[in-house]
């Protein structure tokens, strides 16, 4: 995308993953057939190149062919009255183009060589991993391998309607989460196959990575990357005094990461993918509390370009299901937007989607009257202890309520949500910066006062 921007390639409709041609309309390039596919040729001939060659071309560290030539520049001008003048133009064009292309190619070659020299060891290591039995690409595991990885199913790290999740470790030392589908799970063979196929095709830093799977002995097993901080629901619902409490900036950053994963599914994939089960328990957190979306067993391809929806059986989790989808059976990406709005309200308030007080109440019904009367403080999670920027909090609540509008047409896109959440983070960071400055000023004044009123002993 940087190359497209720097060279002003307005005639390219690139979007999504360039190495999945069956899903995305990328042209002018080809990828290898390795498990982790990479771009190996880039042909920009006939692109009407403008601007300077971008240094980011050096990031294509598997590139073997780079073509800049523009054949249109070599054709004689049809309006010239004489063949002599045409030949002269061709000759001048060839010299001009050749000189320019030589310089461009030389510059690109130097960048690529430099990059490869710096990362030579890294690239070699990557190639060795690709050829090993424990490659980064999803692969089938035997039942005996699963038993060994989990040390005979020794440590349970999760439990849900889908089954049990066990801790595991691969031969190369990587930690993994091994999810075994329960026979009582509502997610059957069809959903298992859908999740495997989808996760082998889509890749994003905010989507949980599928490492492998097993279908031996009638067992359905998925092997994921391990996320040491568990899921968002567990952290938000843990009200113990000694529990880990996420601060406001962490919470909005988690919401932003989840939103970016959803935006990729909605707009980086063609046709779009609707997750259909966005909820706090399906948002996993790594050691840095960075969020990744998980559990794609209910995911569906959404409406194709030109269509507004697809008709399908309602699936999802109580409290998170889009009411319009529930009534009409019409699914589109805005159904995920509604579910995300519920997640954001949980992040803000620390309350679950269905609040069980004297009687069960939906979180939207619980939050809305408080926001209407201007009482944002009673909405915020008490565990935050008032440590947040009030404007950032208001903005987050307004985003969440916009996402949970009854009508899908009135809900924002995930791209809109990302823009607003970034604004929330900026407000909070400015607040923290001001508070830090005030604290430093107070400390400085206190030290000066101590010197003035408490002179040292002579």
Protein backbone atom coordinates (compact mmCIF):
# COMPACT_ATOMS: atom_id res chain seq x y z
CA UNK A 1 0.00 0.00 0.00
CA UNK A 2 2.94 2.30 0.62
CA UNK A 3 4.24 1.53 -2.88
CA UNK A 4 0.80 2.34 -4.30
CA UNK A 5 0.75 5.64 -2.41
CA UNK A 6 4.33 6.74 -3.15
CA UNK A 7 4.19 5.85 -6.86
CA UNK A 8 0.63 7.25 -7.18
CA UNK A 9 -0.77 4.06 -8.64
CA UNK A 10 -4.34 5.32 -8.92
CA UNK A 11 -5.19 2.55 -11.40
CA UNK A 12 -4.66 -0.18 -8.79
CA UNK A 13 -7.62 -1.38 -6.72
CA UNK A 14 -5.49 -3.28 -4.22
CA UNK A 15 -7.19 -4.32 -0.98
CA UNK A 16 -6.78 -7.05 1.62
CA UNK A 17 -4.26 -9.87 1.37
CA UNK A 18 -2.22 -9.76 -1.87
CA UNK A 19 -1.42 -13.48 -1.74
CA UNK A 20 -5.01 -14.71 -1.77
CA UNK A 21 -6.00 -14.02 -5.41
CA UNK A 22 -9.21 -16.02 -5.08
CA UNK A 23 -10.48 -13.43 -2.61
CA UNK A 24 -8.75 -10.18 -3.53
CA UNK A 25 -8.40 -8.27 -6.82
CA UNK A 26 -4.61 -7.76 -6.66
CA UNK A 27 -2.76 -7.56 -9.94
CA UNK A 28 0.82 -6.86 -11.05
CA UNK A 29 2.32 -9.34 -8.61
CA UNK A 30 2.68 -13.05 -7.88
CA UNK A 31 3.33 -14.95 -4.66
CA UNK A 32 5.19 -18.15 -3.90
CA UNK A 33 3.49 -21.38 -2.81
CA UNK A 34 5.08 -21.61 0.63
CA UNK A 35 2.89 -22.07 3.75
CA UNK A 36 3.54 -18.41 4.60
CA UNK A 37 3.06 -16.94 1.17
CA UNK A 38 5.18 -13.95 0.14
CA UNK A 39 5.34 -11.67 -2.89
CA UNK A 40 8.09 -12.79 -5.29
CA UNK A 41 7.42 -10.68 -8.42
CA UNK A 42 6.21 -7.12 -8.84
CA UNK A 43 5.46 -5.86 -12.36
CA UNK A 44 4.61 -2.15 -12.51
CA UNK A 45 4.99 -1.80 -16.26
CA UNK A 46 2.24 0.27 -17.85
CA UNK A 47 1.39 1.91 -14.53
CA UNK A 48 2.14 5.51 -15.48
CA UNK A 49 4.66 5.79 -12.67
CA UNK A 50 4.99 9.07 -10.79
CA UNK A 51 6.96 10.15 -7.75
CA UNK A 52 10.04 8.63 -6.11
CA UNK A 53 10.70 4.94 -5.65
CA UNK A 54 9.62 4.04 -2.08
CA UNK A 55 12.13 2.53 0.32
CA UNK A 56 9.43 0.10 1.49
CA UNK A 57 10.11 -2.03 -1.61
CA UNK A 58 13.06 -3.33 0.42
CA UNK A 59 10.55 -4.89 2.84
CA UNK A 60 9.59 -7.38 0.12
CA UNK A 61 12.45 -9.60 1.18
CA UNK A 62 11.40 -12.57 -0.97
CA UNK A 63 11.22 -10.48 -4.15
CA UNK A 64 13.05 -12.01 -7.14
CA UNK A 65 11.69 -9.86 -9.99
CA UNK A 66 11.00 -6.12 -10.03
CA UNK A 67 9.81 -4.50 -13.28
CA UNK A 68 9.38 -0.73 -13.69
CA UNK A 69 9.40 -0.36 -17.48
CA UNK A 70 6.49 1.54 -19.05
CA UNK A 71 6.02 0.25 -22.64
CA UNK A 72 3.64 3.08 -23.50
CA UNK A 73 6.54 5.48 -23.38
CA UNK A 74 8.26 3.53 -26.15
CA UNK A 75 5.44 3.88 -28.68
CA UNK A 76 5.83 6.65 -31.32
CA UNK A 77 3.43 9.55 -31.21
CA UNK A 78 0.71 8.74 -33.77
CA UNK A 79 0.12 12.41 -34.58
CA UNK A 80 3.64 13.05 -35.85
CA UNK A 81 3.56 13.81 -39.61
CA UNK A 82 6.76 12.02 -40.57
CA UNK A 83 8.33 8.66 -39.89
CA UNK A 84 11.65 10.38 -39.24
CA UNK A 85 10.25 12.45 -36.41
CA UNK A 86 8.53 9.38 -34.95
CA UNK A 87 11.77 7.44 -34.95
CA UNK A 88 13.49 10.35 -33.27
CA UNK A 89 10.83 10.42 -30.56
CA UNK A 90 11.13 6.69 -30.05
CA UNK A 91 14.90 6.98 -29.80
CA UNK A 92 14.68 9.81 -27.25
CA UNK A 93 12.01 7.96 -25.27
CA UNK A 94 14.12 4.79 -25.16
CA UNK A 95 17.14 6.73 -23.89
CA UNK A 96 15.06 8.59 -21.30
CA UNK A 97 13.17 5.56 -20.08
CA UNK A 98 16.22 3.34 -20.05
CA UNK A 99 18.27 5.82 -18.04
CA UNK A 100 15.46 6.37 -15.54
CA UNK A 101 14.70 2.68 -15.17
CA UNK A 102 18.37 1.80 -14.69
CA UNK A 103 18.62 4.34 -11.86
CA UNK A 104 15.35 3.18 -10.28
CA UNK A 105 16.24 -0.48 -10.52
CA UNK A 106 19.73 0.13 -9.18
CA UNK A 107 18.31 2.01 -6.21
CA UNK A 108 15.75 -0.72 -5.52
CA UNK A 109 18.42 -3.41 -5.91
CA UNK A 110 20.67 -1.68 -3.37
CA UNK A 111 17.78 -1.36 -0.91
CA UNK A 112 16.80 -5.00 -1.29
CA UNK A 113 20.39 -6.21 -0.95
CA UNK A 114 20.90 -4.04 2.11
CA UNK A 115 17.72 -5.33 3.67
CA UNK A 116 18.63 -8.93 2.91
CA UNK A 117 22.11 -8.48 4.35
CA UNK A 118 20.70 -7.11 7.60
CA UNK A 119 18.02 -9.78 7.85
CA UNK A 120 19.97 -12.63 6.25
CA UNK A 121 20.05 -14.76 9.35
CA UNK A 122 16.38 -14.08 10.04
CA UNK A 123 15.30 -15.02 6.50
CA UNK A 124 17.34 -18.23 6.64
CA UNK A 125 15.71 -19.11 9.93
CA UNK A 126 12.26 -18.47 8.44
CA UNK A 127 13.00 -20.75 5.49
CA UNK A 128 14.17 -23.51 7.81
CA UNK A 129 10.95 -23.20 9.81
CA UNK A 130 8.88 -23.42 6.62
CA UNK A 131 10.54 -26.71 5.73
CA UNK A 132 10.27 -28.15 9.23
CA UNK A 133 7.38 -30.15 10.65
CA UNK A 134 6.58 -27.23 12.97
CA UNK A 135 6.12 -24.49 10.38
CA UNK A 136 4.21 -21.30 11.03
CA UNK A 137 1.45 -22.43 8.65
CA UNK A 138 -1.56 -24.39 10.01
CA UNK A 139 -0.98 -28.13 9.63
CA UNK A 140 -2.63 -31.40 10.65
CA UNK A 141 -1.59 -33.04 13.93
CA UNK A 142 -1.95 -36.71 14.83
CA UNK A 143 -3.71 -37.75 18.04
CA UNK A 144 -0.42 -38.95 19.53
CA UNK A 145 1.14 -35.54 18.79
CA UNK A 146 -1.72 -33.79 20.59
CA UNK A 147 -1.25 -36.04 23.64
CA UNK A 148 2.47 -35.21 23.69
CA UNK A 149 1.94 -31.47 23.16
CA UNK A 150 -0.52 -31.27 26.08
CA UNK A 151 1.48 -33.67 28.29
CA UNK A 152 -1.51 -36.03 28.28
CA UNK A 153 -4.03 -33.18 28.72
CA UNK A 154 -2.44 -32.10 31.98
CA UNK A 155 -3.42 -28.41 32.29
CA UNK A 156 -6.88 -26.96 31.58
CA UNK A 157 -6.79 -23.23 30.73
CA UNK A 158 -10.33 -22.70 29.48
CA UNK A 159 -13.82 -24.10 29.36
CA UNK A 160 -16.80 -23.11 27.25
CA UNK A 161 -19.77 -24.30 25.24
CA UNK A 162 -17.40 -25.53 22.54
CA UNK A 163 -15.43 -27.75 24.92
CA UNK A 164 -12.19 -27.66 26.90
CA UNK A 165 -8.95 -25.80 26.17
CA UNK A 166 -5.63 -27.29 27.30
CA UNK A 167 -2.19 -25.74 27.62
CA UNK A 168 0.44 -27.19 25.31
CA UNK A 169 4.00 -26.74 24.10
CA UNK A 170 5.37 -27.65 20.66
CA UNK A 171 8.71 -29.33 20.06
CA UNK A 172 10.26 -25.96 19.14
CA UNK A 173 9.18 -24.48 22.50
CA UNK A 174 6.19 -22.47 21.28
CA UNK A 175 3.28 -22.34 23.72
CA UNK A 176 -0.13 -23.25 22.32
CA UNK A 177 -3.78 -23.53 23.33
CA UNK A 178 -5.38 -26.83 22.32
CA UNK A 179 -9.17 -26.57 21.95
CA UNK A 180 -11.03 -29.90 21.93
CA UNK A 181 -14.56 -29.76 20.59
CA UNK A 182 -17.05 -31.31 22.99
CA UNK A 183 -19.56 -33.81 21.64
CA UNK A 184 -22.26 -31.73 23.34
CA UNK A 185 -21.10 -28.51 21.68
CA UNK A 186 -23.51 -26.63 19.40
CA UNK A 187 -20.57 -26.23 17.04
CA UNK A 188 -20.48 -29.41 15.00
CA UNK A 189 -18.38 -30.77 12.15
CA UNK A 190 -19.61 -28.05 9.78
CA UNK A 191 -18.55 -25.24 12.11
CA UNK A 192 -15.22 -26.94 12.85
CA UNK A 193 -14.42 -27.23 9.14
CA UNK A 194 -15.51 -23.62 8.55
CA UNK A 195 -13.17 -22.36 11.27
CA UNK A 196 -10.19 -24.31 9.94
CA UNK A 197 -10.75 -23.19 6.35
CA UNK A 198 -11.30 -19.56 7.30
CA UNK A 199 -8.27 -19.27 9.57
CA UNK A 200 -6.03 -20.84 6.94
CA UNK A 201 -7.06 -18.08 4.53
CA UNK A 202 -7.15 -14.94 6.67
CA UNK A 203 -4.20 -13.47 8.57
CA UNK A 204 -4.12 -10.32 10.69
CA UNK A 205 -2.24 -9.31 13.82
CA UNK A 206 -5.54 -8.91 15.68
CA UNK A 207 -6.92 -12.33 14.74
CA UNK A 208 -5.86 -15.40 16.75
CA UNK A 209 -3.48 -17.54 14.67
CA UNK A 210 -4.39 -21.14 13.93
CA UNK A 211 -1.29 -23.33 14.21
CA UNK A 212 -2.88 -26.69 13.44
CA UNK A 213 -5.80 -29.08 13.77
CA UNK A 214 -6.61 -32.76 14.28
CA UNK A 215 -9.54 -34.90 13.15
CA UNK A 216 -8.42 -38.34 14.26
CA UNK A 217 -10.53 -40.77 16.34
CA UNK A 218 -13.68 -38.68 15.72
CA UNK A 219 -12.14 -35.86 17.78
CA UNK A 220 -12.16 -32.29 16.47
CA UNK A 221 -9.15 -30.36 17.80
CA UNK A 222 -7.81 -26.89 17.03
CA UNK A 223 -4.32 -25.73 18.01
CA UNK A 224 -4.03 -21.95 18.51
CA UNK A 225 -1.27 -19.61 19.56
CA UNK A 226 -1.23 -19.29 23.34
CA UNK A 227 -2.58 -16.06 24.86
CA UNK A 228 -1.26 -15.92 28.45
CA UNK A 229 -3.68 -13.30 29.75
CA UNK A 230 -6.75 -15.29 28.81
CA UNK A 231 -9.93 -13.65 27.59
CA UNK A 232 -11.35 -10.19 28.23
CA UNK A 233 -14.50 -11.49 29.94
CA UNK A 234 -12.51 -13.22 32.69
CA UNK A 235 -10.52 -10.07 33.48
CA UNK A 236 -13.52 -7.71 33.48
CA UNK A 237 -15.63 -10.05 35.63
CA UNK A 238 -12.93 -10.68 38.23
CA UNK A 239 -13.90 -8.33 41.07
CA UNK A 240 -11.41 -9.58 43.66
CA UNK A 241 -9.38 -6.91 45.41
CA UNK A 242 -6.09 -8.47 44.30
CA UNK A 243 -7.15 -8.98 40.67
CA UNK A 244 -5.48 -7.34 37.70
CA UNK A 245 -7.48 -4.20 36.82
CA UNK A 246 -7.16 -2.82 33.32
CA UNK A 247 -6.72 0.96 33.30
CA UNK A 248 -8.76 3.15 30.97
CA UNK A 249 -6.10 3.49 28.29
CA UNK A 250 -5.58 -0.29 28.23
CA UNK A 251 -9.32 -0.84 27.86
CA UNK A 252 -9.70 1.50 24.91
CA UNK A 253 -6.58 0.06 23.29
CA UNK A 254 -8.08 -3.44 23.59
CA UNK A 255 -11.31 -2.17 22.03
CA UNK A 256 -9.32 -0.55 19.21
CA UNK A 257 -7.39 -3.76 18.49
CA UNK A 258 -10.59 -5.81 18.35
CA UNK A 259 -12.14 -3.18 16.06
CA UNK A 260 -9.15 -3.38 13.72
CA UNK A 261 -9.49 -7.16 13.52
CA UNK A 262 -13.18 -6.76 12.65
CA UNK A 263 -12.47 -4.06 10.08
CA UNK A 264 -10.12 -6.48 8.32
CA UNK A 265 -12.82 -9.16 8.18
CA UNK A 266 -15.40 -6.67 6.89
CA UNK A 267 -13.35 -4.70 4.36
CA UNK A 268 -10.06 -6.55 3.85
CA UNK A 269 -11.81 -9.71 2.71
CA UNK A 270 -13.92 -10.14 -0.41
CA UNK A 271 -16.65 -11.12 0.10
CA UNK A 272 -16.68 -9.72 3.63
CA UNK A 273 -16.61 -12.10 6.58
CA UNK A 274 -19.16 -11.68 9.37
CA UNK A 275 -17.85 -13.14 12.65
CA UNK A 276 -21.35 -13.62 14.20
CA UNK A 277 -20.07 -14.29 17.72
CA UNK A 278 -18.23 -11.17 18.88
CA UNK A 279 -18.19 -11.14 22.68
CA UNK A 280 -15.71 -10.47 25.48
CA UNK A 281 -14.92 -14.17 25.96
CA UNK A 282 -13.84 -14.35 22.30
CA UNK A 283 -11.33 -11.51 22.69
CA UNK A 284 -8.01 -12.98 23.81
CA UNK A 285 -5.09 -11.08 25.36
CA UNK A 286 -1.38 -11.80 24.96
CA UNK A 287 1.40 -11.05 27.45
CA UNK A 288 1.24 -7.33 26.58
CA UNK A 289 -2.57 -7.27 26.86
CA UNK A 290 -2.86 -6.86 23.10
CA UNK A 291 -6.20 -8.17 21.82
CA UNK A 292 -6.97 -10.77 19.18
CA UNK A 293 -10.35 -12.04 17.99
CA UNK A 294 -10.93 -15.79 18.31
CA UNK A 295 -13.55 -18.52 17.75
CA UNK A 296 -14.59 -18.34 14.10
CA UNK A 297 -16.82 -21.42 14.13
CA UNK A 298 -19.97 -19.37 13.42
CA UNK A 299 -18.39 -17.02 10.87
CA UNK A 300 -20.04 -16.61 7.47
CA UNK A 301 -19.20 -14.89 4.22
CA UNK A 302 -21.36 -11.78 4.09
CA UNK A 303 -23.17 -10.17 1.16
CA UNK A 304 -21.26 -9.74 -2.08
CA UNK A 305 -20.74 -6.35 -3.67
CA UNK A 306 -24.09 -4.88 -4.66
CA UNK A 307 -26.08 -6.93 -2.12
CA UNK A 308 -27.27 -5.55 1.22
CA UNK A 309 -27.49 -8.80 3.19
CA UNK A 310 -27.63 -12.58 3.13
CA UNK A 311 -30.51 -14.58 4.63
CA UNK A 312 -29.36 -17.16 7.15
CA UNK A 313 -30.32 -18.85 10.40
CA UNK A 314 -29.71 -16.68 13.46
CA UNK A 315 -26.57 -17.69 15.36
CA UNK A 316 -24.68 -16.01 18.18
CA UNK A 317 -24.72 -15.56 21.95
CA UNK A 318 -27.61 -14.23 24.05
CA UNK A 319 -27.11 -10.54 24.78
CA UNK A 320 -24.83 -9.92 21.80
CA UNK A 321 -27.10 -10.83 18.87
CA UNK A 322 -28.18 -7.94 16.62
CA UNK A 323 -31.96 -7.50 17.22
CA UNK A 324 -32.59 -6.65 13.56
CA UNK A 325 -30.80 -9.82 12.44
CA UNK A 326 -32.75 -11.78 15.07
CA UNK A 327 -36.10 -10.56 13.70
CA UNK A 328 -35.40 -10.65 9.95
CA UNK A 329 -32.71 -13.38 9.58
CA UNK A 330 -30.90 -10.84 7.38
CA UNK A 331 -27.18 -10.78 8.11
CA UNK A 332 -24.55 -8.19 7.16
CA UNK A 333 -21.41 -6.67 8.69
CA UNK A 334 -23.50 -4.26 10.81
CA UNK A 335 -24.56 -7.28 12.89
CA UNK A 336 -20.96 -7.53 14.11
CA UNK A 337 -20.99 -3.78 14.77
CA UNK A 338 -23.92 -4.26 17.18
CA UNK A 339 -22.08 -7.06 19.03
CA UNK A 340 -18.95 -4.91 19.22
CA UNK A 341 -21.04 -2.11 20.77
CA UNK A 342 -22.07 -4.50 23.56
CA UNK A 343 -18.42 -5.44 24.10
CA UNK A 344 -17.49 -1.75 24.34
CA UNK A 345 -20.22 -1.15 26.94
CA UNK A 346 -18.78 -4.05 28.98
CA UNK A 347 -15.30 -2.54 28.71
CA UNK A 348 -16.63 0.82 29.90
CA UNK A 349 -18.83 -0.39 32.74
CA UNK A 350 -17.34 -3.71 33.84
CA UNK A 351 -20.88 -5.11 33.64
CA UNK A 352 -21.83 -8.24 31.64
CA UNK A 353 -24.10 -8.14 28.58
CA UNK A 354 -27.02 -9.40 30.69
CA UNK A 355 -26.95 -7.76 34.13
CA UNK A 356 -28.56 -9.87 36.85
CA UNK A 357 -29.73 -7.55 39.61
CA UNK A 358 -33.26 -7.85 41.02
CA UNK A 359 -34.23 -8.97 37.55
CA UNK A 360 -32.18 -9.52 34.41
CA UNK A 361 -31.61 -6.37 32.36
CA UNK A 362 -29.74 -5.89 29.10
CA UNK A 363 -26.66 -3.67 29.34
CA UNK A 364 -28.00 -1.22 26.72
CA UNK A 365 -31.16 -0.70 28.83
CA UNK A 366 -28.98 -0.24 31.92
CA UNK A 367 -26.61 2.32 30.34
CA UNK A 368 -28.98 4.41 28.18
CA UNK A 369 -30.99 6.22 30.91
CA UNK A 370 -27.80 7.06 32.81
CA UNK A 371 -26.23 8.61 29.70
CA UNK A 372 -29.44 10.48 28.86
CA UNK A 373 -29.43 12.22 32.24
CA UNK A 374 -25.71 13.04 31.88
CA UNK A 375 -24.49 10.68 34.59
CA UNK A 376 -21.47 9.07 32.96
CA UNK A 377 -19.78 8.46 36.32
CA UNK A 378 -22.42 5.88 37.32
CA UNK A 379 -21.77 4.03 34.05
CA UNK A 380 -18.00 3.71 34.49
CA UNK A 381 -16.49 0.62 36.09
CA UNK A 382 -15.95 1.36 39.83
CA UNK A 383 -12.64 -0.54 39.63
CA UNK A 384 -11.26 2.41 37.61
CA UNK A 385 -11.69 4.55 40.76
CA UNK A 386 -12.31 7.66 38.69
CA UNK A 387 -8.92 7.41 36.97
CA UNK A 388 -9.94 8.39 33.42
CA UNK A 389 -10.50 11.44 31.26
CA UNK A 390 -14.20 12.36 31.43
CA UNK A 391 -14.29 13.48 27.79
CA UNK A 392 -12.71 10.22 26.66
CA UNK A 393 -15.29 8.30 28.69
CA UNK A 394 -18.19 10.24 27.16
CA UNK A 395 -16.85 9.68 23.66
CA UNK A 396 -16.52 5.93 24.25
CA UNK A 397 -20.08 5.68 25.60
CA UNK A 398 -21.45 7.59 22.61
CA UNK A 399 -19.61 5.24 20.20
CA UNK A 400 -20.99 2.18 22.00
CA UNK A 401 -24.58 3.44 21.91
CA UNK A 402 -24.24 4.36 18.23
CA UNK A 403 -23.07 0.80 17.51
CA UNK A 404 -26.07 -0.64 19.35
CA UNK A 405 -28.70 1.35 17.46
CA UNK A 406 -31.75 -0.82 16.74
CA UNK A 407 -31.48 -0.08 13.02
CA UNK A 408 -28.39 -1.38 11.20
CA UNK A 409 -28.51 1.62 8.87
CA UNK A 410 -27.89 3.96 11.81
CA UNK A 411 -24.82 2.10 13.06
CA UNK A 412 -21.31 3.27 12.11
CA UNK A 413 -18.88 1.12 10.14
CA UNK A 414 -15.91 -0.42 11.94
CA UNK A 415 -13.70 2.08 10.10
CA UNK A 416 -15.70 4.91 11.71
CA UNK A 417 -15.44 3.21 15.10
CA UNK A 418 -11.65 2.90 14.79
CA UNK A 419 -11.34 6.62 14.04
CA UNK A 420 -13.42 7.53 17.11
CA UNK A 421 -11.59 5.12 19.42
CA UNK A 422 -8.27 6.64 18.39
CA UNK A 423 -9.75 9.97 19.46
CA UNK A 424 -10.61 8.44 22.86
CA UNK A 425 -7.03 7.28 23.32
CA UNK A 426 -5.63 10.69 22.41
CA UNK A 427 -7.92 12.39 24.94
CA UNK A 428 -6.84 9.96 27.66
CA UNK A 429 -3.14 10.35 26.86
CA UNK A 430 -3.43 14.13 26.92
CA UNK A 431 -5.16 13.82 30.29
CA UNK A 432 -2.35 11.60 31.65
CA UNK A 433 0.28 13.99 30.31
CA UNK A 434 -1.38 16.98 32.02
CA UNK A 435 -1.69 15.06 35.27
CA UNK A 436 1.96 14.03 35.10
CA UNK A 437 3.01 17.66 34.50
CA UNK A 438 0.95 18.84 37.47
CA UNK A 439 2.50 16.14 39.65
CA UNK A 440 6.03 17.14 38.62
CA UNK A 441 5.23 20.81 39.30
CA UNK A 442 3.82 19.96 42.74
CA UNK A 443 6.91 17.89 43.58
CA UNK A 444 9.19 20.73 42.49
CA UNK A 445 7.28 23.29 44.60
CA UNK A 446 7.34 20.95 47.63
CA UNK A 447 11.11 20.52 47.36
CA UNK A 448 11.64 24.27 47.08
CA UNK A 449 9.42 24.83 50.12
CA UNK A 450 11.40 22.28 52.10
CA UNK A 451 14.63 24.10 51.29
CA UNK A 452 13.18 27.53 52.20
CA UNK A 453 11.50 26.59 55.50
CA UNK A 454 13.83 23.84 56.67
CA UNK A 455 17.40 25.11 56.37
CA UNK A 456 20.11 22.54 56.91
CA UNK A 457 21.91 22.34 60.28
CA UNK A 458 25.14 24.27 60.40
